[in-house]
Amino acid sequence: MEVLENLKYTQNHEWVLIKDNIVTVGITDFAQTELGDIVYVDVDTMGVSLNIDDVFGSVEAVKTVSDLFMPVKGEIIEINHLLENNPELVNVSPYKDGWIVKVRVEQSNDKLLTAQEYKNHIGI
């Protein structure tokens, strides 16, 4: 189970890479393992400003659908279009090629977890 030290995490199993006022968001290695084979990623909130914990999309696996929650308050400015034809990138490369959205931050979230806090959260 991979948990990268340079990222922040949510209790809903999203990861966040913070660069200036732009964050890249994806789901964690733990989440993709629990979901199984990802067959579809749906994000229909491009250009929308959302609050922390608002649903911004969903990930569909073979047996379940899981909502995606905003880790910060902000506007989705980019969607990973590679996932349209290759949703399995979330399974294969959750922290690199399988990122889901980029968000222009309007308000950060002081409840984001460090790598160690996330490891404690998932029990590893």
N, C-alpha and C. Protein backbone atom coordinates (compact mmCIF):
# COMPACT_ATOMS: atom_id res chain seq x y z
N MET A 1 0.85 -1.18 0.00
CA MET A 1 0.00 0.00 0.00
C MET A 1 0.89 1.23 0.00
N GLU A 2 0.80 2.02 -1.04
CA GLU A 2 1.67 3.18 -1.19
C GLU A 2 0.98 4.44 -0.66
N VAL A 3 1.68 5.16 0.22
CA VAL A 3 1.26 6.46 0.73
C VAL A 3 2.46 7.39 0.57
N LEU A 4 2.35 8.38 -0.31
CA LEU A 4 3.48 9.25 -0.60
C LEU A 4 3.60 10.37 0.43
N GLU A 5 4.82 10.62 0.87
CA GLU A 5 5.09 11.60 1.92
C GLU A 5 4.83 13.04 1.48
N ASN A 6 4.96 13.34 0.19
CA ASN A 6 4.85 14.72 -0.28
C ASN A 6 3.40 15.16 -0.53
N LEU A 7 2.44 14.29 -0.26
CA LEU A 7 1.04 14.60 -0.50
C LEU A 7 0.29 14.81 0.81
N LYS A 8 -0.89 15.43 0.70
CA LYS A 8 -1.84 15.51 1.80
C LYS A 8 -3.00 14.58 1.43
N TYR A 9 -3.79 14.20 2.42
CA TYR A 9 -4.84 13.20 2.22
C TYR A 9 -6.12 13.62 2.93
N THR A 10 -7.25 13.07 2.46
CA THR A 10 -8.53 13.28 3.14
C THR A 10 -8.97 11.97 3.77
N GLN A 11 -9.88 12.06 4.70
CA GLN A 11 -10.44 10.86 5.30
C GLN A 11 -11.30 10.09 4.29
N ASN A 12 -11.69 10.76 3.19
CA ASN A 12 -12.47 10.12 2.13
C ASN A 12 -11.57 9.46 1.08
N HIS A 13 -10.27 9.39 1.33
CA HIS A 13 -9.30 8.68 0.50
C HIS A 13 -8.94 9.38 -0.81
N GLU A 14 -9.02 10.72 -0.81
CA GLU A 14 -8.46 11.48 -1.91
C GLU A 14 -7.06 11.95 -1.49
N TRP A 15 -6.19 12.09 -2.49
CA TRP A 15 -4.88 12.69 -2.23
C TRP A 15 -4.84 14.06 -2.87
N VAL A 16 -3.98 14.93 -2.34
CA VAL A 16 -3.88 16.30 -2.79
C VAL A 16 -2.41 16.67 -2.94
N LEU A 17 -2.05 17.17 -4.11
CA LEU A 17 -0.72 17.72 -4.34
C LEU A 17 -0.88 19.23 -4.47
N ILE A 18 -0.25 19.97 -3.57
CA ILE A 18 -0.41 21.42 -3.50
C ILE A 18 0.78 22.10 -4.17
N LYS A 19 0.50 22.93 -5.19
CA LYS A 19 1.53 23.75 -5.84
C LYS A 19 0.95 25.13 -6.03
N ASP A 20 1.47 26.09 -5.26
CA ASP A 20 0.95 27.45 -5.26
C ASP A 20 -0.54 27.41 -4.91
N ASN A 21 -1.40 27.98 -5.76
CA ASN A 21 -2.83 27.95 -5.45
C ASN A 21 -3.59 26.94 -6.32
N ILE A 22 -2.86 25.98 -6.87
CA ILE A 22 -3.46 24.91 -7.67
C ILE A 22 -3.21 23.58 -6.96
N VAL A 23 -4.26 22.79 -6.81
CA VAL A 23 -4.08 21.45 -6.26
C VAL A 23 -4.51 20.41 -7.28
N THR A 24 -3.75 19.34 -7.34
CA THR A 24 -4.10 18.18 -8.14
C THR A 24 -4.71 17.17 -7.19
N VAL A 25 -5.81 16.53 -7.62
CA VAL A 25 -6.57 15.63 -6.76
C VAL A 25 -6.72 14.28 -7.45
N GLY A 26 -6.58 13.22 -6.68
CA GLY A 26 -6.83 11.87 -7.16
C GLY A 26 -7.31 11.01 -6.01
N ILE A 27 -7.48 9.73 -6.26
CA ILE A 27 -7.82 8.83 -5.16
C ILE A 27 -6.58 8.03 -4.79
N THR A 28 -6.52 7.63 -3.56
CA THR A 28 -5.32 6.97 -3.03
C THR A 28 -5.18 5.54 -3.53
N ASP A 29 -4.01 5.01 -3.35
CA ASP A 29 -3.72 3.62 -3.67
C ASP A 29 -4.65 2.71 -2.86
N PHE A 30 -4.87 3.06 -1.60
CA PHE A 30 -5.78 2.30 -0.75
C PHE A 30 -7.18 2.28 -1.36
N ALA A 31 -7.67 3.45 -1.78
CA ALA A 31 -9.03 3.54 -2.34
C ALA A 31 -9.16 2.73 -3.62
N GLN A 32 -8.20 2.84 -4.53
CA GLN A 32 -8.32 2.10 -5.79
C GLN A 32 -8.25 0.60 -5.54
N THR A 33 -7.48 0.18 -4.54
CA THR A 33 -7.41 -1.24 -4.20
C THR A 33 -8.75 -1.73 -3.66
N GLU A 34 -9.35 -0.93 -2.79
CA GLU A 34 -10.65 -1.29 -2.21
C GLU A 34 -11.75 -1.32 -3.27
N LEU A 35 -11.71 -0.39 -4.23
CA LEU A 35 -12.74 -0.33 -5.26
C LEU A 35 -12.61 -1.46 -6.28
N GLY A 36 -11.40 -1.86 -6.58
CA GLY A 36 -11.18 -2.87 -7.62
C GLY A 36 -11.02 -2.18 -8.97
N ASP A 37 -11.28 -2.92 -10.04
CA ASP A 37 -11.04 -2.41 -11.39
C ASP A 37 -11.95 -1.23 -11.71
N ILE A 38 -11.32 -0.08 -11.95
CA ILE A 38 -12.05 1.14 -12.30
C ILE A 38 -12.45 1.07 -13.78
N VAL A 39 -13.73 1.29 -14.05
CA VAL A 39 -14.21 1.22 -15.43
C VAL A 39 -14.69 2.57 -15.96
N TYR A 40 -14.90 3.56 -15.07
CA TYR A 40 -15.40 4.86 -15.53
C TYR A 40 -15.14 5.90 -14.45
N VAL A 41 -14.67 7.08 -14.89
CA VAL A 41 -14.51 8.22 -14.00
C VAL A 41 -15.39 9.34 -14.54
N ASP A 42 -16.30 9.84 -13.71
CA ASP A 42 -17.26 10.85 -14.12
C ASP A 42 -17.05 12.13 -13.32
N VAL A 43 -16.68 13.19 -14.03
CA VAL A 43 -16.56 14.51 -13.41
C VAL A 43 -17.33 15.48 -14.31
N ASP A 44 -18.42 16.00 -13.80
CA ASP A 44 -19.24 16.93 -14.60
C ASP A 44 -19.30 18.31 -13.96
N THR A 45 -18.26 18.66 -13.21
CA THR A 45 -18.25 19.92 -12.47
C THR A 45 -17.13 20.86 -12.94
N MET A 46 -16.68 20.70 -14.17
CA MET A 46 -15.64 21.57 -14.73
C MET A 46 -16.11 23.02 -14.68
N GLY A 47 -15.25 23.90 -14.17
CA GLY A 47 -15.57 25.31 -14.11
C GLY A 47 -16.48 25.71 -12.96
N VAL A 48 -16.84 24.76 -12.14
CA VAL A 48 -17.75 25.01 -11.03
C VAL A 48 -16.93 25.24 -9.76
N SER A 49 -17.32 26.22 -8.97
CA SER A 49 -16.69 26.46 -7.68
C SER A 49 -17.45 25.65 -6.62
N LEU A 50 -16.72 24.81 -5.91
CA LEU A 50 -17.32 23.90 -4.94
C LEU A 50 -16.72 24.10 -3.56
N ASN A 51 -17.48 23.76 -2.55
CA ASN A 51 -17.02 23.84 -1.17
C ASN A 51 -16.31 22.56 -0.76
N ILE A 52 -15.56 22.62 0.32
CA ILE A 52 -14.92 21.44 0.89
C ILE A 52 -16.00 20.39 1.17
N ASP A 53 -15.73 19.16 0.78
CA ASP A 53 -16.60 17.99 0.96
C ASP A 53 -17.78 17.92 0.01
N ASP A 54 -17.93 18.89 -0.92
CA ASP A 54 -18.95 18.75 -1.97
C ASP A 54 -18.55 17.60 -2.89
N VAL A 55 -19.53 16.90 -3.44
CA VAL A 55 -19.26 15.85 -4.42
C VAL A 55 -18.93 16.52 -5.75
N PHE A 56 -17.78 16.14 -6.33
CA PHE A 56 -17.40 16.72 -7.62
C PHE A 56 -17.44 15.71 -8.76
N GLY A 57 -17.70 14.45 -8.44
CA GLY A 57 -17.76 13.42 -9.46
C GLY A 57 -17.87 12.05 -8.80
N SER A 58 -17.60 11.03 -9.62
CA SER A 58 -17.65 9.67 -9.09
C SER A 58 -16.69 8.77 -9.86
N VAL A 59 -16.36 7.68 -9.21
CA VAL A 59 -15.52 6.63 -9.80
C VAL A 59 -16.35 5.36 -9.80
N GLU A 60 -16.46 4.76 -10.97
CA GLU A 60 -17.24 3.52 -11.08
C GLU A 60 -16.29 2.34 -11.26
N ALA A 61 -16.45 1.38 -10.38
CA ALA A 61 -15.68 0.13 -10.48
C ALA A 61 -16.65 -0.96 -10.94
N VAL A 62 -16.14 -2.15 -11.13
CA VAL A 62 -16.96 -3.24 -11.64
C VAL A 62 -18.18 -3.48 -10.75
N LYS A 63 -18.01 -3.38 -9.43
CA LYS A 63 -19.10 -3.74 -8.52
C LYS A 63 -19.70 -2.58 -7.73
N THR A 64 -19.15 -1.35 -7.88
CA THR A 64 -19.64 -0.25 -7.05
C THR A 64 -19.34 1.09 -7.69
N VAL A 65 -20.02 2.11 -7.20
CA VAL A 65 -19.75 3.50 -7.58
C VAL A 65 -19.43 4.26 -6.31
N SER A 66 -18.39 5.09 -6.36
CA SER A 66 -17.97 5.85 -5.19
C SER A 66 -17.90 7.33 -5.54
N ASP A 67 -18.50 8.17 -4.70
CA ASP A 67 -18.43 9.62 -4.90
C ASP A 67 -17.03 10.13 -4.64
N LEU A 68 -16.71 11.23 -5.31
CA LEU A 68 -15.45 11.95 -5.11
C LEU A 68 -15.77 13.26 -4.40
N PHE A 69 -15.03 13.59 -3.36
CA PHE A 69 -15.31 14.75 -2.53
C PHE A 69 -14.20 15.79 -2.65
N MET A 70 -14.59 17.06 -2.74
CA MET A 70 -13.62 18.15 -2.85
C MET A 70 -12.79 18.25 -1.57
N PRO A 71 -11.48 18.22 -1.69
CA PRO A 71 -10.62 18.34 -0.51
C PRO A 71 -10.38 19.80 -0.10
N VAL A 72 -10.66 20.74 -1.00
CA VAL A 72 -10.49 22.17 -0.74
C VAL A 72 -11.69 22.90 -1.34
N LYS A 73 -11.85 24.17 -0.99
CA LYS A 73 -12.85 24.99 -1.66
C LYS A 73 -12.19 25.59 -2.88
N GLY A 74 -12.82 25.43 -4.04
CA GLY A 74 -12.22 26.00 -5.24
C GLY A 74 -12.96 25.60 -6.50
N GLU A 75 -12.38 26.03 -7.62
CA GLU A 75 -12.95 25.80 -8.93
C GLU A 75 -12.15 24.75 -9.68
N ILE A 76 -12.84 23.76 -10.22
CA ILE A 76 -12.17 22.74 -11.04
C ILE A 76 -11.79 23.39 -12.36
N ILE A 77 -10.49 23.40 -12.65
CA ILE A 77 -9.99 24.07 -13.85
C ILE A 77 -9.47 23.10 -14.90
N GLU A 78 -9.29 21.84 -14.52
CA GLU A 78 -8.79 20.85 -15.48
C GLU A 78 -9.23 19.46 -15.04
N ILE A 79 -9.59 18.66 -16.04
CA ILE A 79 -9.95 17.26 -15.82
C ILE A 79 -8.95 16.41 -16.59
N ASN A 80 -8.53 15.30 -16.01
CA ASN A 80 -7.60 14.40 -16.69
C ASN A 80 -8.34 13.65 -17.79
N HIS A 81 -8.21 14.16 -19.01
CA HIS A 81 -8.94 13.57 -20.13
C HIS A 81 -8.42 12.20 -20.55
N LEU A 82 -7.22 11.83 -20.07
CA LEU A 82 -6.72 10.47 -20.34
C LEU A 82 -7.64 9.41 -19.74
N LEU A 83 -8.37 9.79 -18.68
CA LEU A 83 -9.23 8.82 -18.00
C LEU A 83 -10.49 8.49 -18.79
N GLU A 84 -10.84 9.33 -19.78
CA GLU A 84 -12.02 9.05 -20.59
C GLU A 84 -11.92 7.70 -21.29
N ASN A 85 -10.76 7.45 -21.87
CA ASN A 85 -10.55 6.19 -22.60
C ASN A 85 -9.73 5.18 -21.82
N ASN A 86 -9.12 5.63 -20.71
CA ASN A 86 -8.24 4.75 -19.93
C ASN A 86 -8.50 4.93 -18.43
N PRO A 87 -9.71 4.64 -17.95
CA PRO A 87 -9.99 4.82 -16.52
C PRO A 87 -9.14 3.93 -15.62
N GLU A 88 -8.59 2.86 -16.20
CA GLU A 88 -7.75 1.96 -15.42
C GLU A 88 -6.45 2.61 -14.97
N LEU A 89 -6.11 3.79 -15.51
CA LEU A 89 -4.93 4.52 -15.03
C LEU A 89 -5.05 4.84 -13.55
N VAL A 90 -6.28 4.96 -13.04
CA VAL A 90 -6.47 5.20 -11.61
C VAL A 90 -5.96 3.99 -10.81
N ASN A 91 -6.13 2.78 -11.36
CA ASN A 91 -5.62 1.58 -10.69
C ASN A 91 -4.11 1.44 -10.87
N VAL A 92 -3.64 1.65 -12.07
CA VAL A 92 -2.25 1.40 -12.42
C VAL A 92 -1.30 2.46 -11.85
N SER A 93 -1.75 3.71 -11.86
CA SER A 93 -0.88 4.82 -11.48
C SER A 93 -1.69 5.90 -10.74
N PRO A 94 -2.20 5.57 -9.54
CA PRO A 94 -3.10 6.50 -8.86
C PRO A 94 -2.47 7.85 -8.51
N TYR A 95 -1.15 7.89 -8.31
CA TYR A 95 -0.50 9.13 -7.89
C TYR A 95 0.18 9.89 -9.04
N LYS A 96 0.16 9.33 -10.23
CA LYS A 96 0.83 10.01 -11.34
C LYS A 96 -0.14 10.18 -12.51
N ASP A 97 -0.25 9.19 -13.36
CA ASP A 97 -1.09 9.30 -14.55
C ASP A 97 -2.58 9.25 -14.24
N GLY A 98 -2.95 8.72 -13.08
CA GLY A 98 -4.35 8.55 -12.72
C GLY A 98 -4.95 9.69 -11.92
N TRP A 99 -4.31 10.86 -11.90
CA TRP A 99 -4.91 12.02 -11.22
C TRP A 99 -6.26 12.31 -11.86
N ILE A 100 -7.14 12.98 -11.13
CA ILE A 100 -8.50 13.17 -11.63
C ILE A 100 -8.80 14.62 -12.02
N VAL A 101 -8.54 15.58 -11.13
CA VAL A 101 -8.82 16.99 -11.45
C VAL A 101 -7.74 17.90 -10.89
N LYS A 102 -7.71 19.12 -11.44
CA LYS A 102 -6.91 20.20 -10.88
C LYS A 102 -7.87 21.31 -10.47
N VAL A 103 -7.59 21.90 -9.31
CA VAL A 103 -8.50 22.87 -8.70
C VAL A 103 -7.74 24.15 -8.36
N ARG A 104 -8.34 25.30 -8.71
CA ARG A 104 -7.81 26.58 -8.26
C ARG A 104 -8.39 26.82 -6.87
N VAL A 105 -7.51 26.90 -5.89
CA VAL A 105 -7.93 26.96 -4.49
C VAL A 105 -8.47 28.34 -4.13
N GLU A 106 -9.66 28.35 -3.52
CA GLU A 106 -10.23 29.56 -2.96
C GLU A 106 -10.09 29.55 -1.44
N GLN A 107 -10.09 28.35 -0.86
CA GLN A 107 -9.89 28.20 0.59
C GLN A 107 -9.26 26.84 0.83
N SER A 108 -8.15 26.82 1.57
CA SER A 108 -7.51 25.54 1.86
C SER A 108 -8.29 24.81 2.96
N ASN A 109 -7.84 23.64 3.26
CA ASN A 109 -8.53 22.78 4.23
C ASN A 109 -7.54 22.40 5.32
N ASP A 110 -7.74 22.89 6.53
CA ASP A 110 -6.81 22.59 7.61
C ASP A 110 -7.02 21.20 8.20
N LYS A 111 -7.97 20.45 7.65
CA LYS A 111 -8.21 19.08 8.13
C LYS A 111 -7.56 18.03 7.24
N LEU A 112 -6.76 18.45 6.24
CA LEU A 112 -6.04 17.48 5.41
C LEU A 112 -5.04 16.74 6.28
N LEU A 113 -4.87 15.46 5.97
CA LEU A 113 -4.00 14.60 6.75
C LEU A 113 -2.60 14.54 6.16
N THR A 114 -1.60 14.42 7.02
CA THR A 114 -0.25 14.12 6.57
C THR A 114 -0.21 12.65 6.15
N ALA A 115 0.89 12.26 5.54
CA ALA A 115 1.04 10.85 5.14
C ALA A 115 0.92 9.93 6.35
N GLN A 116 1.57 10.28 7.45
CA GLN A 116 1.51 9.44 8.65
C GLN A 116 0.11 9.39 9.23
N GLU A 117 -0.57 10.53 9.25
CA GLU A 117 -1.94 10.55 9.75
C GLU A 117 -2.86 9.69 8.87
N TYR A 118 -2.63 9.73 7.56
CA TYR A 118 -3.44 8.90 6.65
C TYR A 118 -3.14 7.41 6.87
N LYS A 119 -1.87 7.08 7.05
CA LYS A 119 -1.51 5.68 7.33
C LYS A 119 -2.22 5.21 8.59
N ASN A 120 -2.24 6.03 9.62
CA ASN A 120 -2.96 5.68 10.85
C ASN A 120 -4.45 5.51 10.57
N HIS A 121 -5.01 6.38 9.72
CA HIS A 121 -6.43 6.33 9.38
C HIS A 121 -6.81 5.01 8.71
N ILE A 122 -5.94 4.51 7.82
CA ILE A 122 -6.25 3.27 7.11
C ILE A 122 -5.67 2.03 7.78
N GLY A 123 -4.94 2.24 8.87
CA GLY A 123 -4.46 1.12 9.65
C GLY A 123 -3.23 0.43 9.13
N ILE A 124 -2.31 1.19 8.53
CA ILE A 124 -1.04 0.57 8.09
C ILE A 124 0.13 1.24 8.78
